[in-house]
Amino acid sequence: MEASQRKAEVERQAAKRAQRSAEQLRANLQRRKAQVRARREGRADETDGLPASGSRTAPGETPDTD
């Protein structure tokens, strides 16, 4: 009986992971589509480079170190 409960738990966790993954993929697709639409309309992207980098300099520029 315990083995069947363990198997059911593993299957439940796998289903939750698959659902989270599908949600993340949908969100990523929506972001990419928004970027393409913005570029097509000539608007700038909402982010500068990688959001986690913390850098606000454009490519090729050097940061101010005053």
PDB file of N, CA and C in Angstrom:
ATOM      1  N   MET A   1       0.830  -1.193   0.000  1.00  0.00           N
ATOM      2  CA  MET A   1       0.000   0.000   0.000  1.00  0.00           C
ATOM      3  C   MET A   1       0.874   1.254   0.000  1.00  0.00           C
ATOM      4  N   GLU A   2       1.949   1.250   0.738  1.00  0.00           N
ATOM      5  CA  GLU A   2       2.815   2.414   0.817  1.00  0.00           C
ATOM      6  C   GLU A   2       3.486   2.704  -0.519  1.00  0.00           C
ATOM      7  N   ALA A   3       3.839   1.683  -1.274  1.00  0.00           N
ATOM      8  CA  ALA A   3       4.464   1.869  -2.580  1.00  0.00           C
ATOM      9  C   ALA A   3       3.503   2.556  -3.552  1.00  0.00           C
ATOM     10  N   SER A   4       2.246   2.207  -3.489  1.00  0.00           N
ATOM     11  CA  SER A   4       1.274   2.832  -4.394  1.00  0.00           C
ATOM     12  C   SER A   4       1.053   4.299  -4.017  1.00  0.00           C
ATOM     13  N   GLN A   5       1.105   4.602  -2.725  1.00  0.00           N
ATOM     14  CA  GLN A   5       0.979   5.994  -2.294  1.00  0.00           C
ATOM     15  C   GLN A   5       2.183   6.814  -2.764  1.00  0.00           C
ATOM     16  N   ARG A   6       3.360   6.209  -2.650  1.00  0.00           N
ATOM     17  CA  ARG A   6       4.581   6.880  -3.088  1.00  0.00           C
ATOM     18  C   ARG A   6       4.533   7.143  -4.590  1.00  0.00           C
ATOM     19  N   LYS A   7       4.066   6.143  -5.338  1.00  0.00           N
ATOM     20  CA  LYS A   7       3.965   6.293  -6.787  1.00  0.00           C
ATOM     21  C   LYS A   7       2.973   7.407  -7.143  1.00  0.00           C
ATOM     22  N   ALA A   8       1.866   7.455  -6.443  1.00  0.00           N
ATOM     23  CA  ALA A   8       0.864   8.493  -6.694  1.00  0.00           C
ATOM     24  C   ALA A   8       1.441   9.874  -6.384  1.00  0.00           C
ATOM     25  N   GLU A   9       2.217   9.982  -5.321  1.00  0.00           N
ATOM     26  CA  GLU A   9       2.838  11.254  -4.955  1.00  0.00           C
ATOM     27  C   GLU A   9       3.846  11.692  -6.019  1.00  0.00           C
ATOM     28  N   VAL A  10       4.640  10.755  -6.506  1.00  0.00           N
ATOM     29  CA  VAL A  10       5.623  11.065  -7.550  1.00  0.00           C
ATOM     30  C   VAL A  10       4.911  11.536  -8.807  1.00  0.00           C
ATOM     31  N   GLU A  11       3.829  10.877  -9.169  1.00  0.00           N
ATOM     32  CA  GLU A  11       3.069  11.264 -10.359  1.00  0.00           C
ATOM     33  C   GLU A  11       2.446  12.657 -10.176  1.00  0.00           C
ATOM     34  N   ARG A  12       1.958  12.933  -8.974  1.00  0.00           N
ATOM     35  CA  ARG A  12       1.357  14.229  -8.687  1.00  0.00           C
ATOM     36  C   ARG A  12       2.406  15.336  -8.794  1.00  0.00           C
ATOM     37  N   GLN A  13       3.589  15.096  -8.256  1.00  0.00           N
ATOM     38  CA  GLN A  13       4.666  16.080  -8.329  1.00  0.00           C
ATOM     39  C   GLN A  13       5.113  16.301  -9.776  1.00  0.00           C
ATOM     40  N   ALA A  14       5.170  15.220 -10.558  1.00  0.00           N
ATOM     41  CA  ALA A  14       5.556  15.340 -11.964  1.00  0.00           C
ATOM     42  C   ALA A  14       4.524  16.168 -12.725  1.00  0.00           C
ATOM     43  N   ALA A  15       3.258  15.973 -12.415  1.00  0.00           N
ATOM     44  CA  ALA A  15       2.202  16.738 -13.075  1.00  0.00           C
ATOM     45  C   ALA A  15       2.305  18.225 -12.706  1.00  0.00           C
ATOM     46  N   LYS A  16       2.621  18.519 -11.443  1.00  0.00           N
ATOM     47  CA  LYS A  16       2.774  19.914 -11.016  1.00  0.00           C
ATOM     48  C   LYS A  16       3.960  20.564 -11.725  1.00  0.00           C
ATOM     49  N   ARG A  17       5.071  19.820 -11.857  1.00  0.00           N
ATOM     50  CA  ARG A  17       6.243  20.353 -12.558  1.00  0.00           C
ATOM     51  C   ARG A  17       5.916  20.636 -14.016  1.00  0.00           C
ATOM     52  N   ALA A  18       5.209  19.721 -14.644  1.00  0.00           N
ATOM     53  CA  ALA A  18       4.842  19.902 -16.048  1.00  0.00           C
ATOM     54  C   ALA A  18       3.929  21.112 -16.208  1.00  0.00           C
ATOM     55  N   GLN A  19       3.014  21.302 -15.283  1.00  0.00           N
ATOM     56  CA  GLN A  19       2.105  22.446 -15.339  1.00  0.00           C
ATOM     57  C   GLN A  19       2.877  23.758 -15.168  1.00  0.00           C
ATOM     58  N   ARG A  20       3.798  23.807 -14.189  1.00  0.00           N
ATOM     59  CA  ARG A  20       4.611  25.012 -13.986  1.00  0.00           C
ATOM     60  C   ARG A  20       5.455  25.314 -15.225  1.00  0.00           C
ATOM     61  N   SER A  21       6.027  24.268 -15.792  1.00  0.00           N
ATOM     62  CA  SER A  21       6.851  24.445 -16.982  1.00  0.00           C
ATOM     63  C   SER A  21       6.021  25.003 -18.138  1.00  0.00           C
ATOM     64  N   ALA A  22       4.833  24.473 -18.330  1.00  0.00           N
ATOM     65  CA  ALA A  22       3.953  24.953 -19.397  1.00  0.00           C
ATOM     66  C   ALA A  22       3.579  26.413 -19.169  1.00  0.00           C
ATOM     67  N   GLU A  23       3.315  26.792 -17.927  1.00  0.00           N
ATOM     68  CA  GLU A  23       2.978  28.183 -17.613  1.00  0.00           C
ATOM     69  C   GLU A  23       4.155  29.107 -17.916  1.00  0.00           C
ATOM     70  N   GLN A  24       5.367  28.671 -17.553  1.00  0.00           N
ATOM     71  CA  GLN A  24       6.550  29.489 -17.806  1.00  0.00           C
ATOM     72  C   GLN A  24       6.802  29.636 -19.300  1.00  0.00           C
ATOM     73  N   LEU A  25       6.585  28.561 -20.055  1.00  0.00           N
ATOM     74  CA  LEU A  25       6.766  28.630 -21.494  1.00  0.00           C
ATOM     75  C   LEU A  25       5.758  29.581 -22.135  1.00  0.00           C
ATOM     76  N   ARG A  26       4.510  29.540 -21.663  1.00  0.00           N
ATOM     77  CA  ARG A  26       3.489  30.453 -22.193  1.00  0.00           C
ATOM     78  C   ARG A  26       3.856  31.904 -21.886  1.00  0.00           C
ATOM     79  N   ALA A  27       4.308  32.165 -20.665  1.00  0.00           N
ATOM     80  CA  ALA A  27       4.691  33.526 -20.280  1.00  0.00           C
ATOM     81  C   ALA A  27       5.864  34.009 -21.126  1.00  0.00           C
ATOM     82  N   ASN A  28       6.838  33.150 -21.351  1.00  0.00           N
ATOM     83  CA  ASN A  28       7.994  33.502 -22.169  1.00  0.00           C
ATOM     84  C   ASN A  28       7.563  33.804 -23.599  1.00  0.00           C
ATOM     85  N   LEU A  29       6.666  32.999 -24.136  1.00  0.00           N
ATOM     86  CA  LEU A  29       6.171  33.226 -25.488  1.00  0.00           C
ATOM     87  C   LEU A  29       5.461  34.569 -25.584  1.00  0.00           C
ATOM     88  N   GLN A  30       4.666  34.902 -24.582  1.00  0.00           N
ATOM     89  CA  GLN A  30       3.966  36.185 -24.587  1.00  0.00           C
ATOM     90  C   GLN A  30       4.958  37.351 -24.540  1.00  0.00           C
ATOM     91  N   ARG A  31       6.018  37.228 -23.731  1.00  0.00           N
ATOM     92  CA  ARG A  31       7.036  38.280 -23.676  1.00  0.00           C
ATOM     93  C   ARG A  31       7.719  38.437 -25.028  1.00  0.00           C
ATOM     94  N   ARG A  32       8.062  37.329 -25.651  1.00  0.00           N
ATOM     95  CA  ARG A  32       8.730  37.385 -26.949  1.00  0.00           C
ATOM     96  C   ARG A  32       7.827  38.012 -28.007  1.00  0.00           C
ATOM     97  N   LYS A  33       6.559  37.656 -27.985  1.00  0.00           N
ATOM     98  CA  LYS A  33       5.622  38.238 -28.944  1.00  0.00           C
ATOM     99  C   LYS A  33       5.502  39.742 -28.723  1.00  0.00           C
ATOM    100  N   ALA A  34       5.464  40.169 -27.471  1.00  0.00           N
ATOM    101  CA  ALA A  34       5.382  41.600 -27.165  1.00  0.00           C
ATOM    102  C   ALA A  34       6.628  42.325 -27.661  1.00  0.00           C
ATOM    103  N   GLN A  35       7.794  41.699 -27.510  1.00  0.00           N
ATOM    104  CA  GLN A  35       9.030  42.302 -28.001  1.00  0.00           C
ATOM    105  C   GLN A  35       8.992  42.464 -29.519  1.00  0.00           C
ATOM    106  N   VAL A  36       8.530  41.432 -30.214  1.00  0.00           N
ATOM    107  CA  VAL A  36       8.465  41.496 -31.671  1.00  0.00           C
ATOM    108  C   VAL A  36       7.502  42.590 -32.107  1.00  0.00           C
ATOM    109  N   ARG A  37       6.348  42.676 -31.457  1.00  0.00           N
ATOM    110  CA  ARG A  37       5.379  43.720 -31.801  1.00  0.00           C
ATOM    111  C   ARG A  37       5.975  45.102 -31.559  1.00  0.00           C
ATOM    112  N   ALA A  38       6.686  45.272 -30.434  1.00  0.00           N
ATOM    113  CA  ALA A  38       7.287  46.564 -30.118  1.00  0.00           C
ATOM    114  C   ALA A  38       8.348  46.929 -31.152  1.00  0.00           C
ATOM    115  N   ARG A  39       9.153  45.981 -31.543  1.00  0.00           N
ATOM    116  CA  ARG A  39      10.196  46.261 -32.540  1.00  0.00           C
ATOM    117  C   ARG A  39       9.576  46.580 -33.895  1.00  0.00           C
ATOM    118  N   ARG A  40       8.511  45.881 -34.225  1.00  0.00           N
ATOM    119  CA  ARG A  40       7.839  46.118 -35.493  1.00  0.00           C
ATOM    120  C   ARG A  40       7.250  47.526 -35.548  1.00  0.00           C
ATOM    121  N   GLU A  41       6.793  48.024 -34.388  1.00  0.00           N
ATOM    122  CA  GLU A  41       6.210  49.359 -34.311  1.00  0.00           C
ATOM    123  C   GLU A  41       7.270  50.436 -34.090  1.00  0.00           C
ATOM    124  N   GLY A  42       8.529  50.044 -33.937  1.00  0.00           N
ATOM    125  CA  GLY A  42       9.606  51.006 -33.770  1.00  0.00           C
ATOM    126  C   GLY A  42       9.807  51.477 -32.346  1.00  0.00           C
ATOM    127  N   ARG A  43       9.144  50.847 -31.385  1.00  0.00           N
ATOM    128  CA  ARG A  43       9.333  51.240 -29.986  1.00  0.00           C
ATOM    129  C   ARG A  43      10.528  50.504 -29.405  1.00  0.00           C
ATOM    130  N   ALA A  44      11.110  51.079 -28.377  1.00  0.00           N
ATOM    131  CA  ALA A  44      12.241  50.458 -27.694  1.00  0.00           C
ATOM    132  C   ALA A  44      11.750  49.347 -26.780  1.00  0.00           C
ATOM    133  N   ASP A  45      12.635  48.405 -26.500  1.00  0.00           N
ATOM    134  CA  ASP A  45      12.308  47.348 -25.538  1.00  0.00           C
ATOM    135  C   ASP A  45      12.143  47.953 -24.159  1.00  0.00           C
ATOM    136  N   GLU A  46      11.403  47.268 -23.317  1.00  0.00           N
ATOM    137  CA  GLU A  46      11.146  47.767 -21.965  1.00  0.00           C
ATOM    138  C   GLU A  46      12.340  47.579 -21.044  1.00  0.00           C
ATOM    139  N   THR A  47      13.244  46.679 -21.382  1.00  0.00           N
ATOM    140  CA  THR A  47      14.401  46.428 -20.520  1.00  0.00           C
ATOM    141  C   THR A  47      15.684  46.746 -21.269  1.00  0.00           C
ATOM    142  N   ASP A  48      16.714  47.061 -20.516  1.00  0.00           N
ATOM    143  CA  ASP A  48      18.034  47.288 -21.076  1.00  0.00           C
ATOM    144  C   ASP A  48      18.894  46.086 -20.741  1.00  0.00           C
ATOM    145  N   GLY A  49      19.134  45.229 -21.681  1.00  0.00           N
ATOM    146  CA  GLY A  49      19.976  44.071 -21.438  1.00  0.00           C
ATOM    147  C   GLY A  49      19.330  43.096 -20.483  1.00  0.00           C
ATOM    148  N   LEU A  50      20.135  42.479 -19.680  1.00  0.00           N
ATOM    149  CA  LEU A  50      19.632  41.515 -18.713  1.00  0.00           C
ATOM    150  C   LEU A  50      19.163  42.237 -17.464  1.00  0.00           C
ATOM    151  N   PRO A  51      17.926  42.008 -17.034  1.00  0.00           N
ATOM    152  CA  PRO A  51      17.421  42.700 -15.849  1.00  0.00           C
ATOM    153  C   PRO A  51      18.246  42.417 -14.594  1.00  0.00           C
ATOM    154  N   ALA A  52      18.811  41.235 -14.500  1.00  0.00           N
ATOM    155  CA  ALA A  52      19.550  40.867 -13.298  1.00  0.00           C
ATOM    156  C   ALA A  52      20.948  41.478 -13.258  1.00  0.00           C
ATOM    157  N   SER A  53      21.413  42.032 -14.368  1.00  0.00           N
ATOM    158  CA  SER A  53      22.781  42.534 -14.401  1.00  0.00           C
ATOM    159  C   SER A  53      22.956  43.803 -13.585  1.00  0.00           C
ATOM    160  N   GLY A  54      21.883  44.583 -13.463  1.00  0.00           N
ATOM    161  CA  GLY A  54      21.967  45.819 -12.695  1.00  0.00           C
ATOM    162  C   GLY A  54      22.661  46.938 -13.443  1.00  0.00           C
ATOM    163  N   SER A  55      23.146  46.684 -14.627  1.00  0.00           N
ATOM    164  CA  SER A  55      23.850  47.678 -15.419  1.00  0.00           C
ATOM    165  C   SER A  55      22.861  48.483 -16.237  1.00  0.00           C
ATOM    166  N   ARG A  56      23.041  49.792 -16.262  1.00  0.00           N
ATOM    167  CA  ARG A  56      22.158  50.666 -17.041  1.00  0.00           C
ATOM    168  C   ARG A  56      22.907  51.326 -18.187  1.00  0.00           C
ATOM    169  N   THR A  57      24.070  50.809 -18.573  1.00  0.00           N
ATOM    170  CA  THR A  57      24.824  51.396 -19.666  1.00  0.00           C
ATOM    171  C   THR A  57      24.488  50.664 -20.958  1.00  0.00           C
ATOM    172  N   ALA A  58      24.517  51.408 -22.055  1.00  0.00           N
ATOM    173  CA  ALA A  58      24.258  50.821 -23.363  1.00  0.00           C
ATOM    174  C   ALA A  58      25.494  50.029 -23.793  1.00  0.00           C
ATOM    175  N   PRO A  59      25.313  49.089 -24.703  1.00  0.00           N
ATOM    176  CA  PRO A  59      26.460  48.326 -25.190  1.00  0.00           C
ATOM    177  C   PRO A  59      27.499  49.253 -25.806  1.00  0.00           C
ATOM    178  N   GLY A  60      28.757  49.054 -25.471  1.00  0.00           N
ATOM    179  CA  GLY A  60      29.835  49.869 -25.992  1.00  0.00           C
ATOM    180  C   GLY A  60      30.140  51.100 -25.148  1.00  0.00           C
ATOM    181  N   GLU A  61      29.279  51.448 -24.203  1.00  0.00           N
ATOM    182  CA  GLU A  61      29.518  52.585 -23.328  1.00  0.00           C
ATOM    183  C   GLU A  61      30.267  52.123 -22.089  1.00  0.00           C
ATOM    184  N   THR A  62      30.959  53.047 -21.468  1.00  0.00           N
ATOM    185  CA  THR A  62      31.615  52.734 -20.205  1.00  0.00           C
ATOM    186  C   THR A  62      30.830  53.391 -19.069  1.00  0.00           C
ATOM    187  N   PRO A  63      30.679  52.707 -17.963  1.00  0.00           N
ATOM    188  CA  PRO A  63      29.921  53.290 -16.851  1.00  0.00           C
ATOM    189  C   PRO A  63      30.667  54.470 -16.229  1.00  0.00           C
ATOM    190  N   ASP A  64      29.926  55.458 -15.755  1.00  0.00           N
ATOM    191  CA  ASP A  64      30.539  56.609 -15.089  1.00  0.00           C
ATOM    192  C   ASP A  64      31.036  56.180 -13.718  1.00  0.00           C
ATOM    193  N   THR A  65      32.288  56.530 -13.438  1.00  0.00           N
ATOM    194  CA  THR A  65      32.883  56.171 -12.139  1.00  0.00           C
ATOM    195  C   THR A  65      33.400  57.435 -11.477  1.00  0.00           C
ATOM    196  N   ASP A  66      32.507  58.345 -11.173  1.00  0.00           N
ATOM    197  CA  ASP A  66      32.909  59.609 -10.528  1.00  0.00           C
ATOM    198  C   ASP A  66      32.987  59.452  -9.047  1.00  0.00           C
TER     199      ASP A  66
END
